[in-house]
Amino acid sequence: EVLEENFLRLAFVHDPKVVLSKEVKELIRLPFNIRLVEEYEKFSGKSDFDISNFGMSLPKELLDGFTEMVLLEERDPDENSDELKLELEKTRKRLKILSVEERSEELQSQMRDLEKRGDEEKLLEAQNEFNKLAKMRSAYEKEE
């Protein structure tokens, strides 16, 4: 939850267009954050991004949370652009790792159930996917 919020805060302050990528959309899972991304999608085509204008365009139920999120960023984006960019990228990588970990946990549970049921074919498929996720996680961690 905190990692997602940090990512979106950095994105909206530094480079909001990153939230439009398919990869990032798959990483965002909390309902509030998904709604923010959806609202940004609608807003992004209208004009150049201005954080104040975007905030004012949000539905009331999102405005307070968005304002609170963005106000947590104390650094000036113009003065700290490189620092913010680096932190945004690191946070994105951590979100990817977290996503892989969560999917791995789901697969472990699924594999236990499949093993109990004796479904060897599906168990093998789940094990293969689990191995792919382990490789992905390792690659993401090396990037850090």
C-alpha atoms as a PDB file:
ATOM      1  CA  GLU A   1       0.000   0.000   0.000  1.00  0.00           C
ATOM      2  CA  VAL A   2       2.703   2.479   1.019  1.00  0.00           C
ATOM      3  CA  LEU A   3       4.889   1.487  -1.916  1.00  0.00           C
ATOM      4  CA  GLU A   4       2.068   2.103  -4.396  1.00  0.00           C
ATOM      5  CA  GLU A   5       1.304   5.450  -2.814  1.00  0.00           C
ATOM      6  CA  ASN A   6       4.976   6.472  -2.908  1.00  0.00           C
ATOM      7  CA  PHE A   7       5.195   5.482  -6.545  1.00  0.00           C
ATOM      8  CA  LEU A   8       2.132   7.486  -7.530  1.00  0.00           C
ATOM      9  CA  ARG A   9       3.240  10.481  -5.465  1.00  0.00           C
ATOM     10  CA  LEU A  10       6.618  10.505  -7.231  1.00  0.00           C
ATOM     11  CA  ALA A  11       4.981   9.945 -10.600  1.00  0.00           C
ATOM     12  CA  PHE A  12       2.466  12.768 -10.245  1.00  0.00           C
ATOM     13  CA  VAL A  13       5.142  15.163  -9.014  1.00  0.00           C
ATOM     14  CA  HIS A  14       7.885  14.188 -11.453  1.00  0.00           C
ATOM     15  CA  ASP A  15       6.532  12.366 -14.528  1.00  0.00           C
ATOM     16  CA  PRO A  16       2.821  11.501 -14.498  1.00  0.00           C
ATOM     17  CA  LYS A  17       2.925   9.908 -17.958  1.00  0.00           C
ATOM     18  CA  VAL A  18       4.595   6.811 -16.473  1.00  0.00           C
ATOM     19  CA  VAL A  19       1.278   5.785 -14.906  1.00  0.00           C
ATOM     20  CA  LEU A  20      -0.189   5.281 -18.377  1.00  0.00           C
ATOM     21  CA  SER A  21       2.060   2.339 -19.257  1.00  0.00           C
ATOM     22  CA  LYS A  22       0.527  -1.122 -19.248  1.00  0.00           C
ATOM     23  CA  GLU A  23       3.269  -2.360 -16.937  1.00  0.00           C
ATOM     24  CA  VAL A  24       2.506   0.252 -14.300  1.00  0.00           C
ATOM     25  CA  LYS A  25      -1.252  -0.255 -14.561  1.00  0.00           C
ATOM     26  CA  GLU A  26      -0.711  -3.934 -13.762  1.00  0.00           C
ATOM     27  CA  LEU A  27       1.303  -3.010 -10.669  1.00  0.00           C
ATOM     28  CA  ILE A  28      -1.349  -0.691  -9.229  1.00  0.00           C
ATOM     29  CA  ARG A  29      -3.857  -2.752  -7.266  1.00  0.00           C
ATOM     30  CA  LEU A  30      -5.472  -0.603  -4.601  1.00  0.00           C
ATOM     31  CA  PRO A  31      -8.917   0.747  -5.592  1.00  0.00           C
ATOM     32  CA  PHE A  32      -8.116   4.378  -4.699  1.00  0.00           C
ATOM     33  CA  ASN A  33      -4.892   4.298  -6.712  1.00  0.00           C
ATOM     34  CA  ILE A  34      -6.572   2.589  -9.664  1.00  0.00           C
ATOM     35  CA  ARG A  35      -9.194   5.355  -9.704  1.00  0.00           C
ATOM     36  CA  LEU A  36      -6.455   8.022  -9.660  1.00  0.00           C
ATOM     37  CA  VAL A  37      -4.778   6.417 -12.658  1.00  0.00           C
ATOM     38  CA  GLU A  38      -8.131   6.209 -14.470  1.00  0.00           C
ATOM     39  CA  GLU A  39      -8.805   9.887 -13.772  1.00  0.00           C
ATOM     40  CA  TYR A  40      -5.323  10.789 -15.003  1.00  0.00           C
ATOM     41  CA  GLU A  41      -5.987   8.849 -18.224  1.00  0.00           C
ATOM     42  CA  LYS A  42      -9.078  10.977 -18.831  1.00  0.00           C
ATOM     43  CA  PHE A  43      -7.261  14.180 -17.917  1.00  0.00           C
ATOM     44  CA  SER A  44      -4.021  13.536 -19.814  1.00  0.00           C
ATOM     45  CA  GLY A  45      -5.529  13.989 -23.247  1.00  0.00           C
ATOM     46  CA  LYS A  46      -7.036  17.393 -22.479  1.00  0.00           C
ATOM     47  CA  SER A  47      -3.961  19.556 -21.922  1.00  0.00           C
ATOM     48  CA  ASP A  48      -0.440  19.719 -20.570  1.00  0.00           C
ATOM     49  CA  PHE A  49      -0.241  18.316 -17.084  1.00  0.00           C
ATOM     50  CA  ASP A  50      -0.584  20.761 -14.233  1.00  0.00           C
ATOM     51  CA  ILE A  51      -0.854  19.109 -10.847  1.00  0.00           C
ATOM     52  CA  SER A  52      -3.212  21.784  -9.494  1.00  0.00           C
ATOM     53  CA  ASN A  53      -5.564  21.545 -12.471  1.00  0.00           C
ATOM     54  CA  PHE A  54      -5.506  17.765 -12.255  1.00  0.00           C
ATOM     55  CA  GLY A  55      -6.325  17.876  -8.546  1.00  0.00           C
ATOM     56  CA  MET A  56      -9.231  20.244  -9.171  1.00  0.00           C
ATOM     57  CA  SER A  57     -10.582  17.940 -11.890  1.00  0.00           C
ATOM     58  CA  LEU A  58     -10.794  14.977  -9.503  1.00  0.00           C
ATOM     59  CA  PRO A  59     -14.068  13.821  -7.983  1.00  0.00           C
ATOM     60  CA  LYS A  60     -14.430  14.943  -4.367  1.00  0.00           C
ATOM     61  CA  GLU A  61     -13.884  11.424  -3.021  1.00  0.00           C
ATOM     62  CA  LEU A  62     -10.405  11.385  -4.619  1.00  0.00           C
ATOM     63  CA  LEU A  63      -9.365  14.988  -4.096  1.00  0.00           C
ATOM     64  CA  ASP A  64      -8.496  14.830  -0.387  1.00  0.00           C
ATOM     65  CA  GLY A  65      -6.482  11.631  -0.709  1.00  0.00           C
ATOM     66  CA  PHE A  66      -4.650  12.941  -3.767  1.00  0.00           C
ATOM     67  CA  THR A  67      -3.872  16.260  -2.097  1.00  0.00           C
ATOM     68  CA  GLU A  68      -2.575  14.491   0.988  1.00  0.00           C
ATOM     69  CA  MET A  69      -0.460  12.153  -1.145  1.00  0.00           C
ATOM     70  CA  VAL A  70       1.133  14.906  -3.212  1.00  0.00           C
ATOM     71  CA  LEU A  71       1.762  17.211  -0.263  1.00  0.00           C
ATOM     72  CA  LEU A  72       3.983  14.535   1.286  1.00  0.00           C
ATOM     73  CA  GLU A  73       6.546  15.290  -1.421  1.00  0.00           C
ATOM     74  CA  GLU A  74       8.611  18.149  -0.075  1.00  0.00           C
ATOM     75  CA  ARG A  75      11.234  18.277  -2.821  1.00  0.00           C
ATOM     76  CA  ASP A  76      10.899  20.771  -5.637  1.00  0.00           C
ATOM     77  CA  PRO A  77      10.591  18.763  -8.867  1.00  0.00           C
ATOM     78  CA  ASP A  78      12.497  21.400 -10.820  1.00  0.00           C
ATOM     79  CA  GLU A  79      15.449  21.395  -8.438  1.00  0.00           C
ATOM     80  CA  ASN A  80      15.518  17.650  -7.728  1.00  0.00           C
ATOM     81  CA  SER A  81      14.582  16.176 -11.108  1.00  0.00           C
ATOM     82  CA  ASP A  82      17.369  13.594 -11.287  1.00  0.00           C
ATOM     83  CA  GLU A  83      16.877  12.521  -7.677  1.00  0.00           C
ATOM     84  CA  LEU A  84      13.120  12.130  -8.175  1.00  0.00           C
ATOM     85  CA  LYS A  85      13.603  10.234 -11.429  1.00  0.00           C
ATOM     86  CA  LEU A  86      15.981   7.788  -9.753  1.00  0.00           C
ATOM     87  CA  GLU A  87      13.665   7.281  -6.779  1.00  0.00           C
ATOM     88  CA  LEU A  88      10.686   6.791  -9.114  1.00  0.00           C
ATOM     89  CA  GLU A  89      12.559   4.086 -11.006  1.00  0.00           C
ATOM     90  CA  LYS A  90      13.670   2.333  -7.807  1.00  0.00           C
ATOM     91  CA  THR A  91      10.127   2.400  -6.462  1.00  0.00           C
ATOM     92  CA  ARG A  92       8.785   0.989  -9.743  1.00  0.00           C
ATOM     93  CA  LYS A  93      11.275  -1.882  -9.485  1.00  0.00           C
ATOM     94  CA  ARG A  94      10.250  -2.556  -5.877  1.00  0.00           C
ATOM     95  CA  LEU A  95       6.611  -2.662  -6.982  1.00  0.00           C
ATOM     96  CA  LYS A  96       7.521  -5.191  -9.667  1.00  0.00           C
ATOM     97  CA  ILE A  97       9.304  -7.364  -7.110  1.00  0.00           C
ATOM     98  CA  LEU A  98       6.340  -7.117  -4.737  1.00  0.00           C
ATOM     99  CA  SER A  99       3.969  -8.104  -7.532  1.00  0.00           C
ATOM    100  CA  VAL A 100       6.090 -11.167  -8.353  1.00  0.00           C
ATOM    101  CA  GLU A 101       6.254 -12.117  -4.668  1.00  0.00           C
ATOM    102  CA  GLU A 102       2.479 -11.883  -4.313  1.00  0.00           C
ATOM    103  CA  ARG A 103       1.909 -13.985  -7.421  1.00  0.00           C
ATOM    104  CA  SER A 104       4.473 -16.527  -6.163  1.00  0.00           C
ATOM    105  CA  GLU A 105       2.610 -16.836  -2.875  1.00  0.00           C
ATOM    106  CA  GLU A 106      -0.642 -17.424  -4.758  1.00  0.00           C
ATOM    107  CA  LEU A 107       1.037 -20.108  -6.855  1.00  0.00           C
ATOM    108  CA  GLN A 108       2.490 -21.831  -3.792  1.00  0.00           C
ATOM    109  CA  SER A 109      -0.984 -22.121  -2.323  1.00  0.00           C
ATOM    110  CA  GLN A 110      -2.365 -23.315  -5.644  1.00  0.00           C
ATOM    111  CA  MET A 111       0.428 -25.918  -5.956  1.00  0.00           C
ATOM    112  CA  ARG A 112      -0.357 -27.301  -2.485  1.00  0.00           C
ATOM    113  CA  ASP A 113      -4.008 -27.690  -3.481  1.00  0.00           C
ATOM    114  CA  LEU A 114      -3.114 -29.307  -6.805  1.00  0.00           C
ATOM    115  CA  GLU A 115      -0.732 -31.690  -5.066  1.00  0.00           C
ATOM    116  CA  LYS A 116      -3.461 -32.713  -2.593  1.00  0.00           C
ATOM    117  CA  ARG A 117      -5.876 -33.324  -5.461  1.00  0.00           C
ATOM    118  CA  GLY A 118      -3.253 -35.235  -7.441  1.00  0.00           C
ATOM    119  CA  ASP A 119      -3.604 -33.033 -10.531  1.00  0.00           C
ATOM    120  CA  GLU A 120      -0.097 -33.604 -11.893  1.00  0.00           C
ATOM    121  CA  GLU A 121      -0.615 -31.744 -15.180  1.00  0.00           C
ATOM    122  CA  LYS A 122      -1.791 -28.493 -13.607  1.00  0.00           C
ATOM    123  CA  LEU A 123       0.787 -28.869 -10.847  1.00  0.00           C
ATOM    124  CA  LEU A 124       3.557 -29.016 -13.437  1.00  0.00           C
ATOM    125  CA  GLU A 125       2.171 -25.890 -15.148  1.00  0.00           C
ATOM    126  CA  ALA A 126       2.053 -24.045 -11.822  1.00  0.00           C
ATOM    127  CA  GLN A 127       5.604 -25.146 -10.993  1.00  0.00           C
ATOM    128  CA  ASN A 128       6.831 -23.887 -14.357  1.00  0.00           C
ATOM    129  CA  GLU A 129       5.157 -20.537 -13.811  1.00  0.00           C
ATOM    130  CA  PHE A 130       6.611 -20.389 -10.297  1.00  0.00           C
ATOM    131  CA  ASN A 131      10.103 -21.005 -11.714  1.00  0.00           C
ATOM    132  CA  LYS A 132       9.616 -18.232 -14.284  1.00  0.00           C
ATOM    133  CA  LEU A 133       8.554 -15.851 -11.511  1.00  0.00           C
ATOM    134  CA  ALA A 134      11.630 -16.770  -9.473  1.00  0.00           C
ATOM    135  CA  LYS A 135      13.830 -15.907 -12.463  1.00  0.00           C
ATOM    136  CA  MET A 136      11.953 -12.630 -12.984  1.00  0.00           C
ATOM    137  CA  ARG A 137      12.370 -11.694  -9.343  1.00  0.00           C
ATOM    138  CA  SER A 138      16.069 -12.450  -9.490  1.00  0.00           C
ATOM    139  CA  ALA A 139      16.448 -10.285 -12.601  1.00  0.00           C
ATOM    140  CA  TYR A 140      14.538  -7.401 -10.991  1.00  0.00           C
ATOM    141  CA  GLU A 141      16.662  -7.615  -7.861  1.00  0.00           C
ATOM    142  CA  LYS A 142      19.853  -7.499  -9.943  1.00  0.00           C
ATOM    143  CA  GLU A 143      18.594  -4.285 -11.565  1.00  0.00           C
ATOM    144  CA  GLU A 144      18.397  -2.594  -8.163  1.00  0.00           C
END
